[in-house]
Amino acid sequence: MSISYSFLLLLLGCSLVTAIPRMLPFLMMRNMEIPEPMLKWLSYIPLCIFSALIIESFMTNGSTGFQIHWLELIAVICTLVISLFTRSLLWTVILGVILMALLRFIF
């Protein structure tokens, strides 16, 4: 397999388009002082994004309207309980994946 010049340019361009938006905010903010209220507000963003990803996995807005996927909701609730008992990310992920596989196998 040979690599052409146009492919290398395409690869370089894609790398730049991916890297610049990720690095630019850090480069711009490294010398700025962020106010305390802004830092507090920014601390909630990871939790909001994680919650949105979890909720999206069992709630959708399909062509027939709002739908709840009950198997996924059961798996999310059980995984939440597992995480509260184990306090371990590793066991929560492993048992959550096994639980979802079992639910899909049974139903």
C-alpha atoms as a PDB file:
ATOM      1  CA  MET A   1       0.000   0.000   0.000  1.00  0.00           C
ATOM      2  CA  SER A   2       1.437   3.348  -0.980  1.00  0.00           C
ATOM      3  CA  ILE A   3       0.575   6.651   0.613  1.00  0.00           C
ATOM      4  CA  SER A   4       0.016   9.528  -1.769  1.00  0.00           C
ATOM      5  CA  TYR A   5       0.916  13.153  -1.244  1.00  0.00           C
ATOM      6  CA  SER A   6      -2.748  14.191  -1.299  1.00  0.00           C
ATOM      7  CA  PHE A   7      -3.536  11.658   1.431  1.00  0.00           C
ATOM      8  CA  LEU A   8      -0.773  13.062   3.636  1.00  0.00           C
ATOM      9  CA  LEU A   9      -2.122  16.596   3.098  1.00  0.00           C
ATOM     10  CA  LEU A  10      -5.616  15.392   3.939  1.00  0.00           C
ATOM     11  CA  LEU A  11      -4.334  13.685   7.085  1.00  0.00           C
ATOM     12  CA  LEU A  12      -2.453  16.812   8.147  1.00  0.00           C
ATOM     13  CA  GLY A  13      -5.499  19.007   7.491  1.00  0.00           C
ATOM     14  CA  CYS A  14      -7.788  16.717   9.487  1.00  0.00           C
ATOM     15  CA  SER A  15      -5.283  16.643  12.334  1.00  0.00           C
ATOM     16  CA  LEU A  16      -5.130  20.440  12.438  1.00  0.00           C
ATOM     17  CA  VAL A  17      -8.902  20.829  12.293  1.00  0.00           C
ATOM     18  CA  THR A  18      -9.196  18.396  15.210  1.00  0.00           C
ATOM     19  CA  ALA A  19      -6.318  19.754  17.302  1.00  0.00           C
ATOM     20  CA  ILE A  20      -6.861  23.509  16.980  1.00  0.00           C
ATOM     21  CA  PRO A  21     -10.328  23.690  18.628  1.00  0.00           C
ATOM     22  CA  ARG A  22      -9.056  21.518  21.488  1.00  0.00           C
ATOM     23  CA  MET A  23      -5.854  23.468  22.115  1.00  0.00           C
ATOM     24  CA  LEU A  24      -6.958  27.020  21.364  1.00  0.00           C
ATOM     25  CA  PRO A  25      -9.073  27.525  24.541  1.00  0.00           C
ATOM     26  CA  PHE A  26      -6.199  26.344  26.729  1.00  0.00           C
ATOM     27  CA  LEU A  27      -3.729  28.636  24.979  1.00  0.00           C
ATOM     28  CA  MET A  28      -6.068  31.617  25.300  1.00  0.00           C
ATOM     29  CA  MET A  29      -6.982  31.005  28.953  1.00  0.00           C
ATOM     30  CA  ARG A  30      -3.591  30.087  30.407  1.00  0.00           C
ATOM     31  CA  ASN A  31      -2.773  33.654  31.497  1.00  0.00           C
ATOM     32  CA  MET A  32      -6.302  34.732  32.432  1.00  0.00           C
ATOM     33  CA  GLU A  33      -7.739  34.753  35.940  1.00  0.00           C
ATOM     34  CA  ILE A  34     -11.207  33.187  36.070  1.00  0.00           C
ATOM     35  CA  PRO A  35     -13.621  34.615  38.666  1.00  0.00           C
ATOM     36  CA  GLU A  36     -14.792  32.292  41.459  1.00  0.00           C
ATOM     37  CA  PRO A  37     -18.506  32.258  40.388  1.00  0.00           C
ATOM     38  CA  MET A  38     -17.438  31.217  36.884  1.00  0.00           C
ATOM     39  CA  LEU A  39     -15.255  28.401  38.271  1.00  0.00           C
ATOM     40  CA  LYS A  40     -18.173  27.155  40.372  1.00  0.00           C
ATOM     41  CA  TRP A  41     -20.456  27.200  37.342  1.00  0.00           C
ATOM     42  CA  LEU A  42     -17.855  25.413  35.189  1.00  0.00           C
ATOM     43  CA  SER A  43     -17.509  22.665  37.804  1.00  0.00           C
ATOM     44  CA  TYR A  44     -21.059  21.488  36.991  1.00  0.00           C
ATOM     45  CA  ILE A  45     -20.434  20.981  33.275  1.00  0.00           C
ATOM     46  CA  PRO A  46     -18.945  17.441  33.465  1.00  0.00           C
ATOM     47  CA  LEU A  47     -21.884  16.277  35.582  1.00  0.00           C
ATOM     48  CA  CYS A  48     -24.363  17.822  33.129  1.00  0.00           C
ATOM     49  CA  ILE A  49     -22.702  16.222  30.120  1.00  0.00           C
ATOM     50  CA  PHE A  50     -22.540  12.823  31.841  1.00  0.00           C
ATOM     51  CA  SER A  51     -26.212  13.089  32.847  1.00  0.00           C
ATOM     52  CA  ALA A  52     -27.227  14.014  29.309  1.00  0.00           C
ATOM     53  CA  LEU A  53     -25.373  11.003  27.906  1.00  0.00           C
ATOM     54  CA  ILE A  54     -26.996   8.652  30.411  1.00  0.00           C
ATOM     55  CA  ILE A  55     -30.500  10.049  29.908  1.00  0.00           C
ATOM     56  CA  GLU A  56     -30.093   9.920  26.132  1.00  0.00           C
ATOM     57  CA  SER A  57     -29.414   6.182  26.375  1.00  0.00           C
ATOM     58  CA  PHE A  58     -32.920   5.374  27.653  1.00  0.00           C
ATOM     59  CA  MET A  59     -35.077   8.293  26.479  1.00  0.00           C
ATOM     60  CA  THR A  60     -35.618   9.207  22.841  1.00  0.00           C
ATOM     61  CA  ASN A  61     -37.931  11.371  20.815  1.00  0.00           C
ATOM     62  CA  GLY A  62     -38.866   9.075  17.959  1.00  0.00           C
ATOM     63  CA  SER A  63     -41.270   9.453  15.072  1.00  0.00           C
ATOM     64  CA  THR A  64     -44.154   8.305  17.289  1.00  0.00           C
ATOM     65  CA  GLY A  65     -43.253  10.745  20.052  1.00  0.00           C
ATOM     66  CA  PHE A  66     -41.397  10.522  23.327  1.00  0.00           C
ATOM     67  CA  GLN A  67     -40.238   6.980  24.149  1.00  0.00           C
ATOM     68  CA  ILE A  68     -38.646   5.330  27.171  1.00  0.00           C
ATOM     69  CA  HIS A  69     -36.529   2.249  26.593  1.00  0.00           C
ATOM     70  CA  TRP A  70     -37.398   0.225  29.676  1.00  0.00           C
ATOM     71  CA  LEU A  71     -34.542  -2.278  29.510  1.00  0.00           C
ATOM     72  CA  GLU A  72     -31.976   0.508  29.423  1.00  0.00           C
ATOM     73  CA  LEU A  73     -33.759   2.362  32.232  1.00  0.00           C
ATOM     74  CA  ILE A  74     -33.703  -0.768  34.409  1.00  0.00           C
ATOM     75  CA  ALA A  75     -30.000  -1.235  33.668  1.00  0.00           C
ATOM     76  CA  VAL A  76     -29.250   2.425  34.507  1.00  0.00           C
ATOM     77  CA  ILE A  77     -31.120   2.240  37.831  1.00  0.00           C
ATOM     78  CA  CYS A  78     -29.468  -1.057  38.802  1.00  0.00           C
ATOM     79  CA  THR A  79     -26.041   0.265  37.791  1.00  0.00           C
ATOM     80  CA  LEU A  80     -26.627   3.366  39.892  1.00  0.00           C
ATOM     81  CA  VAL A  81     -27.428   1.162  42.900  1.00  0.00           C
ATOM     82  CA  ILE A  82     -24.315  -0.935  42.194  1.00  0.00           C
ATOM     83  CA  SER A  83     -22.193   2.214  42.073  1.00  0.00           C
ATOM     84  CA  LEU A  84     -23.584   3.415  45.396  1.00  0.00           C
ATOM     85  CA  PHE A  85     -22.758   0.101  47.077  1.00  0.00           C
ATOM     86  CA  THR A  86     -19.364  -0.619  45.528  1.00  0.00           C
ATOM     87  CA  ARG A  87     -18.009   2.956  45.167  1.00  0.00           C
ATOM     88  CA  SER A  88     -15.769   1.495  42.464  1.00  0.00           C
ATOM     89  CA  LEU A  89     -15.819   2.688  38.865  1.00  0.00           C
ATOM     90  CA  LEU A  90     -14.334  -0.605  37.656  1.00  0.00           C
ATOM     91  CA  TRP A  91     -17.007  -2.784  39.280  1.00  0.00           C
ATOM     92  CA  THR A  92     -19.768  -0.393  38.289  1.00  0.00           C
ATOM     93  CA  VAL A  93     -18.787  -0.545  34.610  1.00  0.00           C
ATOM     94  CA  ILE A  94     -18.200  -4.315  34.584  1.00  0.00           C
ATOM     95  CA  LEU A  95     -21.442  -5.167  36.387  1.00  0.00           C
ATOM     96  CA  GLY A  96     -23.408  -2.595  34.374  1.00  0.00           C
ATOM     97  CA  VAL A  97     -22.244  -4.094  31.074  1.00  0.00           C
ATOM     98  CA  ILE A  98     -22.983  -7.631  32.305  1.00  0.00           C
ATOM     99  CA  LEU A  99     -26.426  -6.547  33.537  1.00  0.00           C
ATOM    100  CA  MET A 100     -27.300  -4.919  30.200  1.00  0.00           C
ATOM    101  CA  ALA A 101     -26.106  -8.021  28.319  1.00  0.00           C
ATOM    102  CA  LEU A 102     -28.232 -10.267  30.544  1.00  0.00           C
ATOM    103  CA  LEU A 103     -31.298  -8.055  30.123  1.00  0.00           C
ATOM    104  CA  ARG A 104     -30.925  -8.064  26.346  1.00  0.00           C
ATOM    105  CA  PHE A 105     -30.357 -11.824  26.353  1.00  0.00           C
ATOM    106  CA  ILE A 106     -33.439 -12.512  28.481  1.00  0.00           C
ATOM    107  CA  PHE A 107     -35.777 -10.006  26.848  1.00  0.00           C
END
